[in-house]
Amino acid sequence: MNKSPSNGAFFRLYIAFFSENTGMNTTALNVDPAELAKFSDLAHRWWDPESEFRPLHQINPLRLAWIDGLVPLSGQKVLDVGCGGGILADAMARKGAQVLGIDLATKSLKVAQLHALEAETAGVLYREISAEDLAAEQAAQYDVVTCMEMLEHVPDPAAVVKACADLVKPGGWVFFSTLNRNPKSFLFAIVGAEYILNLLPKGTHEYARMIKPAELTHWARTAGLDTHSMRGMEYNPFTQRYGMSQDTRVNYLVAMRKTENAHV
């Protein structure tokens, strides 16, 4: 009996067909169709705190507090790059920021928009566009740009870093979070989180795409960003809680600022 293709397989076939017949270059868009398919398959579960996105729900208060502690979000114009279902974007809007969340996963954006309507979250909008294309439209228009848990899922993370730098105003803040690349991160973030503790679906991360802090800060300097501070994030399997730390060998967050005299 022939089996119907999975949603992910169908999505990849669609992207391939669409690219061939319309001339769309998914590499130019800096997107991996397989990564989009991965998150599209799970889009309806974004706001279930016990779903595959449970880790994001658990770390969200930590990263929100860290960002808000460095630059109070109330009244700020904020861009959330790779917003997914809107977990961070929604939280920043509730802090009083005017937030635009962008992503290329259509299903995830629809979930984010629906949640904003149902939760009556004021001050948050969503748009399907790449960071690079938005930077061409709205250079130096944002006080704060966040790009969390996204860089390790794109073919050219340096281009996203450059776009984020272009989008923020001189003196503005850019926040990144991603996964380090070393034996400990492989053991904890892939073997432990995906195969032993089942915190994440298997295949969520690829070791080769993880990013060392030195690589990220190099891309940032080249783009006109100065590193302000860096923190690690750790998971305690006994308490089943996440916490901020000084250990950046697995998950880490970086706060950066655009130089005041940057050319706009």
C-alpha atoms as a PDB file:
ATOM      1  CA  MET A   1       0.000   0.000   0.000  1.00  0.00           C
ATOM      2  CA  ASN A   2       1.347   3.426  -0.926  1.00  0.00           C
ATOM      3  CA  LYS A   3       1.682   5.746   2.011  1.00  0.00           C
ATOM      4  CA  SER A   4       0.933   9.458   1.812  1.00  0.00           C
ATOM      5  CA  PRO A   5       3.978  11.676   2.348  1.00  0.00           C
ATOM      6  CA  SER A   6       4.368  13.323   5.747  1.00  0.00           C
ATOM      7  CA  ASN A   7       3.690  17.025   6.078  1.00  0.00           C
ATOM      8  CA  GLY A   8       7.436  17.628   6.214  1.00  0.00           C
ATOM      9  CA  ALA A   9       8.082  15.588   3.063  1.00  0.00           C
ATOM     10  CA  PHE A  10       5.244  17.356   1.263  1.00  0.00           C
ATOM     11  CA  PHE A  11       6.608  20.738   2.328  1.00  0.00           C
ATOM     12  CA  ARG A  12      10.059  19.899   0.971  1.00  0.00           C
ATOM     13  CA  LEU A  13       8.558  18.695  -2.325  1.00  0.00           C
ATOM     14  CA  TYR A  14       6.536  21.903  -2.535  1.00  0.00           C
ATOM     15  CA  ILE A  15       9.607  24.074  -1.961  1.00  0.00           C
ATOM     16  CA  ALA A  16      11.539  22.143  -4.609  1.00  0.00           C
ATOM     17  CA  PHE A  17       8.660  22.432  -7.121  1.00  0.00           C
ATOM     18  CA  PHE A  18       8.104  26.111  -6.345  1.00  0.00           C
ATOM     19  CA  SER A  19      11.807  26.924  -6.683  1.00  0.00           C
ATOM     20  CA  GLU A  20      12.084  25.123 -10.014  1.00  0.00           C
ATOM     21  CA  ASN A  21       8.972  26.646 -11.540  1.00  0.00           C
ATOM     22  CA  THR A  22       9.182  30.224 -10.259  1.00  0.00           C
ATOM     23  CA  GLY A  23      12.908  30.800 -10.038  1.00  0.00           C
ATOM     24  CA  MET A  24      12.853  31.299  -6.266  1.00  0.00           C
ATOM     25  CA  ASN A  25      16.333  30.759  -4.807  1.00  0.00           C
ATOM     26  CA  THR A  26      15.986  29.369  -1.284  1.00  0.00           C
ATOM     27  CA  THR A  27      19.721  29.777  -0.743  1.00  0.00           C
ATOM     28  CA  ALA A  28      19.387  33.485  -1.552  1.00  0.00           C
ATOM     29  CA  LEU A  29      16.634  33.627   1.054  1.00  0.00           C
ATOM     30  CA  ASN A  30      19.084  32.117   3.562  1.00  0.00           C
ATOM     31  CA  VAL A  31      16.657  29.393   4.532  1.00  0.00           C
ATOM     32  CA  ASP A  32      16.876  25.617   4.728  1.00  0.00           C
ATOM     33  CA  PRO A  33      13.593  24.075   3.476  1.00  0.00           C
ATOM     34  CA  ALA A  34      14.113  21.058   5.732  1.00  0.00           C
ATOM     35  CA  GLU A  35      14.357  23.351   8.768  1.00  0.00           C
ATOM     36  CA  LEU A  36      11.169  25.173   7.763  1.00  0.00           C
ATOM     37  CA  ALA A  37       9.412  21.853   7.326  1.00  0.00           C
ATOM     38  CA  LYS A  38      10.608  20.696  10.739  1.00  0.00           C
ATOM     39  CA  PHE A  39       9.008  23.642  12.517  1.00  0.00           C
ATOM     40  CA  SER A  40       5.949  23.736  10.252  1.00  0.00           C
ATOM     41  CA  ASP A  41       5.092  20.174  11.264  1.00  0.00           C
ATOM     42  CA  LEU A  42       4.999  21.282  14.916  1.00  0.00           C
ATOM     43  CA  ALA A  43       3.453  24.733  14.425  1.00  0.00           C
ATOM     44  CA  HIS A  44       0.135  23.873  16.082  1.00  0.00           C
ATOM     45  CA  ARG A  45       1.976  22.966  19.300  1.00  0.00           C
ATOM     46  CA  TRP A  46       3.904  26.231  19.798  1.00  0.00           C
ATOM     47  CA  TRP A  47       1.735  27.446  22.690  1.00  0.00           C
ATOM     48  CA  ASP A  48       1.361  24.091  24.460  1.00  0.00           C
ATOM     49  CA  PRO A  49       3.766  24.411  27.435  1.00  0.00           C
ATOM     50  CA  GLU A  50       4.034  20.610  27.673  1.00  0.00           C
ATOM     51  CA  SER A  51       4.821  20.084  23.981  1.00  0.00           C
ATOM     52  CA  GLU A  52       8.106  19.875  22.127  1.00  0.00           C
ATOM     53  CA  PHE A  53       8.393  23.618  22.783  1.00  0.00           C
ATOM     54  CA  ARG A  54       8.376  23.181  26.548  1.00  0.00           C
ATOM     55  CA  PRO A  55      12.063  24.222  26.818  1.00  0.00           C
ATOM     56  CA  LEU A  56      11.275  27.531  25.096  1.00  0.00           C
ATOM     57  CA  HIS A  57       8.445  28.206  27.518  1.00  0.00           C
ATOM     58  CA  GLN A  58      10.735  27.411  30.435  1.00  0.00           C
ATOM     59  CA  ILE A  59      13.647  29.589  29.326  1.00  0.00           C
ATOM     60  CA  ASN A  60      11.500  32.485  28.128  1.00  0.00           C
ATOM     61  CA  PRO A  61      11.183  34.209  31.541  1.00  0.00           C
ATOM     62  CA  LEU A  62      14.975  33.970  31.946  1.00  0.00           C
ATOM     63  CA  ARG A  63      15.883  35.472  28.609  1.00  0.00           C
ATOM     64  CA  LEU A  64      13.131  38.089  28.888  1.00  0.00           C
ATOM     65  CA  ALA A  65      14.371  39.204  32.316  1.00  0.00           C
ATOM     66  CA  TRP A  66      17.967  39.357  31.046  1.00  0.00           C
ATOM     67  CA  ILE A  67      17.027  41.510  28.052  1.00  0.00           C
ATOM     68  CA  ASP A  68      14.724  43.765  30.057  1.00  0.00           C
ATOM     69  CA  GLY A  69      17.384  44.164  32.735  1.00  0.00           C
ATOM     70  CA  LEU A  70      19.892  45.501  30.215  1.00  0.00           C
ATOM     71  CA  VAL A  71      17.494  47.666  28.231  1.00  0.00           C
ATOM     72  CA  PRO A  72      14.025  48.247  29.758  1.00  0.00           C
ATOM     73  CA  LEU A  73      11.636  47.206  26.997  1.00  0.00           C
ATOM     74  CA  SER A  74       8.755  49.563  27.767  1.00  0.00           C
ATOM     75  CA  GLY A  75       8.402  52.045  24.923  1.00  0.00           C
ATOM     76  CA  GLN A  76      11.099  50.430  22.788  1.00  0.00           C
ATOM     77  CA  LYS A  77      10.655  49.550  19.121  1.00  0.00           C
ATOM     78  CA  VAL A  78      11.694  45.887  18.980  1.00  0.00           C
ATOM     79  CA  LEU A  79      12.267  43.383  16.190  1.00  0.00           C
ATOM     80  CA  ASP A  80      12.264  39.636  16.923  1.00  0.00           C
ATOM     81  CA  VAL A  81      14.035  37.766  14.105  1.00  0.00           C
ATOM     82  CA  GLY A  82      13.009  34.124  13.727  1.00  0.00           C
ATOM     83  CA  CYS A  83      10.064  34.627  16.075  1.00  0.00           C
ATOM     84  CA  GLY A  84       8.429  31.251  15.427  1.00  0.00           C
ATOM     85  CA  GLY A  85       5.114  31.054  17.243  1.00  0.00           C
ATOM     86  CA  GLY A  86       5.758  34.317  19.061  1.00  0.00           C
ATOM     87  CA  ILE A  87       6.705  33.176  22.576  1.00  0.00           C
ATOM     88  CA  LEU A  88       9.362  35.871  23.110  1.00  0.00           C
ATOM     89  CA  ALA A  89       7.720  38.503  20.897  1.00  0.00           C
ATOM     90  CA  ASP A  90       4.465  38.226  22.847  1.00  0.00           C
ATOM     91  CA  ALA A  91       6.303  38.488  26.184  1.00  0.00           C
ATOM     92  CA  MET A  92       8.242  41.582  25.095  1.00  0.00           C
ATOM     93  CA  ALA A  93       5.032  43.255  23.950  1.00  0.00           C
ATOM     94  CA  ARG A  94       3.534  42.592  27.372  1.00  0.00           C
ATOM     95  CA  LYS A  95       6.499  44.506  28.808  1.00  0.00           C
ATOM     96  CA  GLY A  96       5.321  47.540  26.853  1.00  0.00           C
ATOM     97  CA  ALA A  97       7.454  47.251  23.716  1.00  0.00           C
ATOM     98  CA  GLN A  98       6.170  47.759  20.175  1.00  0.00           C
ATOM     99  CA  VAL A  99       7.217  44.446  18.623  1.00  0.00           C
ATOM    100  CA  LEU A 100       7.456  43.125  15.084  1.00  0.00           C
ATOM    101  CA  GLY A 101       8.105  39.386  14.835  1.00  0.00           C
ATOM    102  CA  ILE A 102       9.410  38.030  11.542  1.00  0.00           C
ATOM    103  CA  ASP A 103       9.869  34.474  10.299  1.00  0.00           C
ATOM    104  CA  LEU A 104       9.723  32.467   7.073  1.00  0.00           C
ATOM    105  CA  ALA A 105       7.633  29.621   8.511  1.00  0.00           C
ATOM    106  CA  THR A 106       4.104  30.509   7.425  1.00  0.00           C
ATOM    107  CA  LYS A 107       2.331  28.101   9.763  1.00  0.00           C
ATOM    108  CA  SER A 108       4.258  29.300  12.804  1.00  0.00           C
ATOM    109  CA  LEU A 109       3.420  32.925  11.995  1.00  0.00           C
ATOM    110  CA  LYS A 110      -0.269  32.105  11.690  1.00  0.00           C
ATOM    111  CA  VAL A 111      -0.122  30.475  15.123  1.00  0.00           C
ATOM    112  CA  ALA A 112       1.597  33.586  16.510  1.00  0.00           C
ATOM    113  CA  GLN A 113      -1.027  35.874  14.993  1.00  0.00           C
ATOM    114  CA  LEU A 114      -3.882  33.737  16.290  1.00  0.00           C
ATOM    115  CA  HIS A 115      -2.411  33.665  19.789  1.00  0.00           C
ATOM    116  CA  ALA A 116      -2.026  37.464  19.796  1.00  0.00           C
ATOM    117  CA  LEU A 117      -5.710  37.780  18.921  1.00  0.00           C
ATOM    118  CA  GLU A 118      -6.869  35.236  21.478  1.00  0.00           C
ATOM    119  CA  ALA A 119      -4.651  36.630  24.247  1.00  0.00           C
ATOM    120  CA  GLU A 120      -5.476  40.214  23.230  1.00  0.00           C
ATOM    121  CA  THR A 121      -1.785  41.095  23.206  1.00  0.00           C
ATOM    122  CA  ALA A 122      -1.377  44.731  22.226  1.00  0.00           C
ATOM    123  CA  GLY A 123       1.739  46.025  20.536  1.00  0.00           C
ATOM    124  CA  VAL A 124       2.812  42.957  18.556  1.00  0.00           C
ATOM    125  CA  LEU A 125       2.623  42.354  14.811  1.00  0.00           C
ATOM    126  CA  TYR A 126       3.997  39.559  12.642  1.00  0.00           C
ATOM    127  CA  ARG A 127       5.323  39.488   9.108  1.00  0.00           C
ATOM    128  CA  GLU A 128       6.638  36.782   6.800  1.00  0.00           C
ATOM    129  CA  ILE A 129       9.940  38.197   5.586  1.00  0.00           C
ATOM    130  CA  SER A 130      13.642  37.459   5.966  1.00  0.00           C
ATOM    131  CA  ALA A 131      15.900  39.620   8.115  1.00  0.00           C
ATOM    132  CA  GLU A 132      17.977  40.443   5.054  1.00  0.00           C
ATOM    133  CA  ASP A 133      14.971  41.685   3.063  1.00  0.00           C
ATOM    134  CA  LEU A 134      13.630  43.683   5.997  1.00  0.00           C
ATOM    135  CA  ALA A 135      17.055  45.297   6.457  1.00  0.00           C
ATOM    136  CA  ALA A 136      16.856  46.523   2.865  1.00  0.00           C
ATOM    137  CA  GLU A 137      13.519  48.179   3.729  1.00  0.00           C
ATOM    138  CA  GLN A 138      14.006  49.391   7.288  1.00  0.00           C
ATOM    139  CA  ALA A 139      17.684  49.975   8.023  1.00  0.00           C
ATOM    140  CA  ALA A 140      18.423  51.434  11.479  1.00  0.00           C
ATOM    141  CA  GLN A 141      14.749  51.548  12.513  1.00  0.00           C
ATOM    142  CA  TYR A 142      14.764  49.457  15.723  1.00  0.00           C
ATOM    143  CA  ASP A 143      15.914  50.162  19.271  1.00  0.00           C
ATOM    144  CA  VAL A 144      16.291  46.466  20.052  1.00  0.00           C
ATOM    145  CA  VAL A 145      16.713  43.413  17.815  1.00  0.00           C
ATOM    146  CA  THR A 146      16.485  39.888  19.178  1.00  0.00           C
ATOM    147  CA  CYS A 147      17.444  36.697  17.347  1.00  0.00           C
ATOM    148  CA  MET A 148      17.084  33.739  19.688  1.00  0.00           C
ATOM    149  CA  GLU A 149      17.622  30.044  18.969  1.00  0.00           C
ATOM    150  CA  MET A 150      17.645  30.762  15.249  1.00  0.00           C
ATOM    151  CA  LEU A 151      21.205  31.203  13.945  1.00  0.00           C
ATOM    152  CA  GLU A 152      21.989  27.481  14.151  1.00  0.00           C
ATOM    153  CA  HIS A 153      19.100  26.714  11.784  1.00  0.00           C
ATOM    154  CA  VAL A 154      20.104  28.824   8.744  1.00  0.00           C
ATOM    155  CA  PRO A 155      22.704  28.160   6.025  1.00  0.00           C
ATOM    156  CA  ASP A 156      24.459  31.535   6.460  1.00  0.00           C
ATOM    157  CA  PRO A 157      24.231  32.762  10.069  1.00  0.00           C
ATOM    158  CA  ALA A 158      26.758  35.552   9.444  1.00  0.00           C
ATOM    159  CA  ALA A 159      24.313  37.122   6.976  1.00  0.00           C
ATOM    160  CA  VAL A 160      21.595  37.148   9.644  1.00  0.00           C
ATOM    161  CA  VAL A 161      23.984  38.788  12.114  1.00  0.00           C
ATOM    162  CA  LYS A 162      24.778  41.455   9.494  1.00  0.00           C
ATOM    163  CA  ALA A 163      21.067  42.034   8.843  1.00  0.00           C
ATOM    164  CA  CYS A 164      20.359  42.409  12.560  1.00  0.00           C
ATOM    165  CA  ALA A 165      23.169  44.968  12.811  1.00  0.00           C
ATOM    166  CA  ASP A 166      21.751  46.865   9.849  1.00  0.00           C
ATOM    167  CA  LEU A 167      18.253  46.901  11.350  1.00  0.00           C
ATOM    168  CA  VAL A 168      19.175  48.325  14.761  1.00  0.00           C
ATOM    169  CA  LYS A 169      19.738  52.039  15.356  1.00  0.00           C
ATOM    170  CA  PRO A 170      23.225  53.326  16.257  1.00  0.00           C
ATOM    171  CA  GLY A 171      23.597  52.769  19.995  1.00  0.00           C
ATOM    172  CA  GLY A 172      20.814  50.171  19.923  1.00  0.00           C
ATOM    173  CA  TRP A 173      20.932  46.649  21.318  1.00  0.00           C
ATOM    174  CA  VAL A 174      21.078  43.283  19.559  1.00  0.00           C
ATOM    175  CA  PHE A 175      20.574  40.012  21.443  1.00  0.00           C
ATOM    176  CA  PHE A 176      21.507  36.574  20.163  1.00  0.00           C
ATOM    177  CA  SER A 177      21.210  33.125  21.692  1.00  0.00           C
ATOM    178  CA  THR A 178      22.488  29.921  20.171  1.00  0.00           C
ATOM    179  CA  LEU A 179      24.438  26.720  20.877  1.00  0.00           C
ATOM    180  CA  ASN A 180      28.191  26.411  21.271  1.00  0.00           C
ATOM    181  CA  ARG A 181      30.075  23.778  19.261  1.00  0.00           C
ATOM    182  CA  ASN A 182      32.292  21.509  21.365  1.00  0.00           C
ATOM    183  CA  PRO A 183      32.180  18.014  22.929  1.00  0.00           C
ATOM    184  CA  LYS A 184      30.134  19.172  25.932  1.00  0.00           C
ATOM    185  CA  SER A 185      27.490  20.828  23.753  1.00  0.00           C
ATOM    186  CA  PHE A 186      27.242  17.695  21.615  1.00  0.00           C
ATOM    187  CA  LEU A 187      26.807  15.554  24.718  1.00  0.00           C
ATOM    188  CA  PHE A 188      24.325  17.829  26.487  1.00  0.00           C
ATOM    189  CA  ALA A 189      22.387  19.540  23.667  1.00  0.00           C
ATOM    190  CA  ILE A 190      22.079  16.598  21.271  1.00  0.00           C
ATOM    191  CA  VAL A 191      22.704  13.292  23.037  1.00  0.00           C
ATOM    192  CA  GLY A 192      21.242  14.382  26.379  1.00  0.00           C
ATOM    193  CA  ALA A 193      18.435  16.737  25.346  1.00  0.00           C
ATOM    194  CA  GLU A 194      17.256  14.870  22.244  1.00  0.00           C
ATOM    195  CA  TYR A 195      18.041  11.196  22.880  1.00  0.00           C
ATOM    196  CA  ILE A 196      18.144  10.648  26.638  1.00  0.00           C
ATOM    197  CA  LEU A 197      15.923  13.257  28.317  1.00  0.00           C
ATOM    198  CA  ASN A 198      13.659  13.752  25.270  1.00  0.00           C
ATOM    199  CA  LEU A 199      13.501  17.481  25.937  1.00  0.00           C
ATOM    200  CA  LEU A 200      13.569  18.136  22.187  1.00  0.00           C
ATOM    201  CA  PRO A 201      12.570  16.116  19.119  1.00  0.00           C
ATOM    202  CA  LYS A 202      15.407  14.044  17.695  1.00  0.00           C
ATOM    203  CA  GLY A 203      17.152  15.906  14.905  1.00  0.00           C
ATOM    204  CA  THR A 204      16.316  19.370  16.226  1.00  0.00           C
ATOM    205  CA  HIS A 205      19.971  20.409  16.108  1.00  0.00           C
ATOM    206  CA  GLU A 206      22.907  19.522  13.883  1.00  0.00           C
ATOM    207  CA  TYR A 207      26.325  19.621  15.515  1.00  0.00           C
ATOM    208  CA  ALA A 208      28.040  21.121  12.462  1.00  0.00           C
ATOM    209  CA  ARG A 209      25.692  24.109  12.568  1.00  0.00           C
ATOM    210  CA  MET A 210      26.382  25.005  16.179  1.00  0.00           C
ATOM    211  CA  ILE A 211      28.305  28.252  16.596  1.00  0.00           C
ATOM    212  CA  LYS A 212      31.310  29.016  18.756  1.00  0.00           C
ATOM    213  CA  PRO A 213      31.196  32.356  20.614  1.00  0.00           C
ATOM    214  CA  ALA A 214      34.390  33.456  18.857  1.00  0.00           C
ATOM    215  CA  GLU A 215      32.683  32.934  15.490  1.00  0.00           C
ATOM    216  CA  LEU A 216      29.584  34.864  16.510  1.00  0.00           C
ATOM    217  CA  THR A 217      31.508  37.781  18.000  1.00  0.00           C
ATOM    218  CA  HIS A 218      33.720  37.933  14.888  1.00  0.00           C
ATOM    219  CA  TRP A 219      30.676  38.219  12.614  1.00  0.00           C
ATOM    220  CA  ALA A 220      29.257  40.847  14.951  1.00  0.00           C
ATOM    221  CA  ARG A 221      32.420  42.980  14.968  1.00  0.00           C
ATOM    222  CA  THR A 222      32.541  42.832  11.187  1.00  0.00           C
ATOM    223  CA  ALA A 223      28.923  44.062  11.122  1.00  0.00           C
ATOM    224  CA  GLY A 224      29.594  46.967  13.513  1.00  0.00           C
ATOM    225  CA  LEU A 225      28.416  45.428  16.781  1.00  0.00           C
ATOM    226  CA  ASP A 226      30.329  45.518  20.063  1.00  0.00           C
ATOM    227  CA  THR A 227      29.886  42.668  22.533  1.00  0.00           C
ATOM    228  CA  HIS A 228      28.530  43.937  25.858  1.00  0.00           C
ATOM    229  CA  SER A 229      28.037  40.742  27.846  1.00  0.00           C
ATOM    230  CA  MET A 230      27.605  36.993  27.495  1.00  0.00           C
ATOM    231  CA  ARG A 231      25.796  34.489  29.697  1.00  0.00           C
ATOM    232  CA  GLY A 232      25.279  30.760  29.671  1.00  0.00           C
ATOM    233  CA  MET A 233      22.095  28.829  30.272  1.00  0.00           C
ATOM    234  CA  GLU A 234      22.042  25.430  31.955  1.00  0.00           C
ATOM    235  CA  TYR A 235      19.443  22.722  32.536  1.00  0.00           C
ATOM    236  CA  ASN A 236      19.311  20.810  35.811  1.00  0.00           C
ATOM    237  CA  PRO A 237      17.819  17.349  35.085  1.00  0.00           C
ATOM    238  CA  PHE A 238      17.082  16.760  38.787  1.00  0.00           C
ATOM    239  CA  THR A 239      15.036  19.932  39.355  1.00  0.00           C
ATOM    240  CA  GLN A 240      13.987  20.079  35.678  1.00  0.00           C
ATOM    241  CA  ARG A 241      14.707  23.794  35.724  1.00  0.00           C
ATOM    242  CA  TYR A 242      16.837  26.121  33.615  1.00  0.00           C
ATOM    243  CA  GLY A 243      19.075  28.807  35.046  1.00  0.00           C
ATOM    244  CA  MET A 244      21.493  31.499  33.886  1.00  0.00           C
ATOM    245  CA  SER A 245      25.178  30.901  34.549  1.00  0.00           C
ATOM    246  CA  GLN A 246      28.692  31.890  33.509  1.00  0.00           C
ATOM    247  CA  ASP A 247      29.179  28.589  31.654  1.00  0.00           C
ATOM    248  CA  THR A 248      28.790  29.290  27.940  1.00  0.00           C
ATOM    249  CA  ARG A 249      29.947  25.871  26.725  1.00  0.00           C
ATOM    250  CA  VAL A 250      26.442  24.725  25.726  1.00  0.00           C
ATOM    251  CA  ASN A 251      23.627  27.296  25.454  1.00  0.00           C
ATOM    252  CA  TYR A 252      24.713  30.922  25.527  1.00  0.00           C
ATOM    253  CA  LEU A 253      23.240  34.399  25.097  1.00  0.00           C
ATOM    254  CA  VAL A 254      25.079  37.492  23.876  1.00  0.00           C
ATOM    255  CA  ALA A 255      24.145  41.153  24.296  1.00  0.00           C
ATOM    256  CA  MET A 256      25.646  43.524  21.736  1.00  0.00           C
ATOM    257  CA  ARG A 257      25.400  47.218  20.912  1.00  0.00           C
ATOM    258  CA  LYS A 258      25.758  48.992  17.602  1.00  0.00           C
ATOM    259  CA  THR A 259      28.489  51.587  17.632  1.00  0.00           C
ATOM    260  CA  GLU A 260      27.151  55.124  18.034  1.00  0.00           C
ATOM    261  CA  ASN A 261      29.041  56.406  15.013  1.00  0.00           C
ATOM    262  CA  ALA A 262      27.955  53.538  12.767  1.00  0.00           C
ATOM    263  CA  HIS A 263      27.110  54.586   9.221  1.00  0.00           C
ATOM    264  CA  VAL A 264      23.372  54.421   8.533  1.00  0.00           C
END
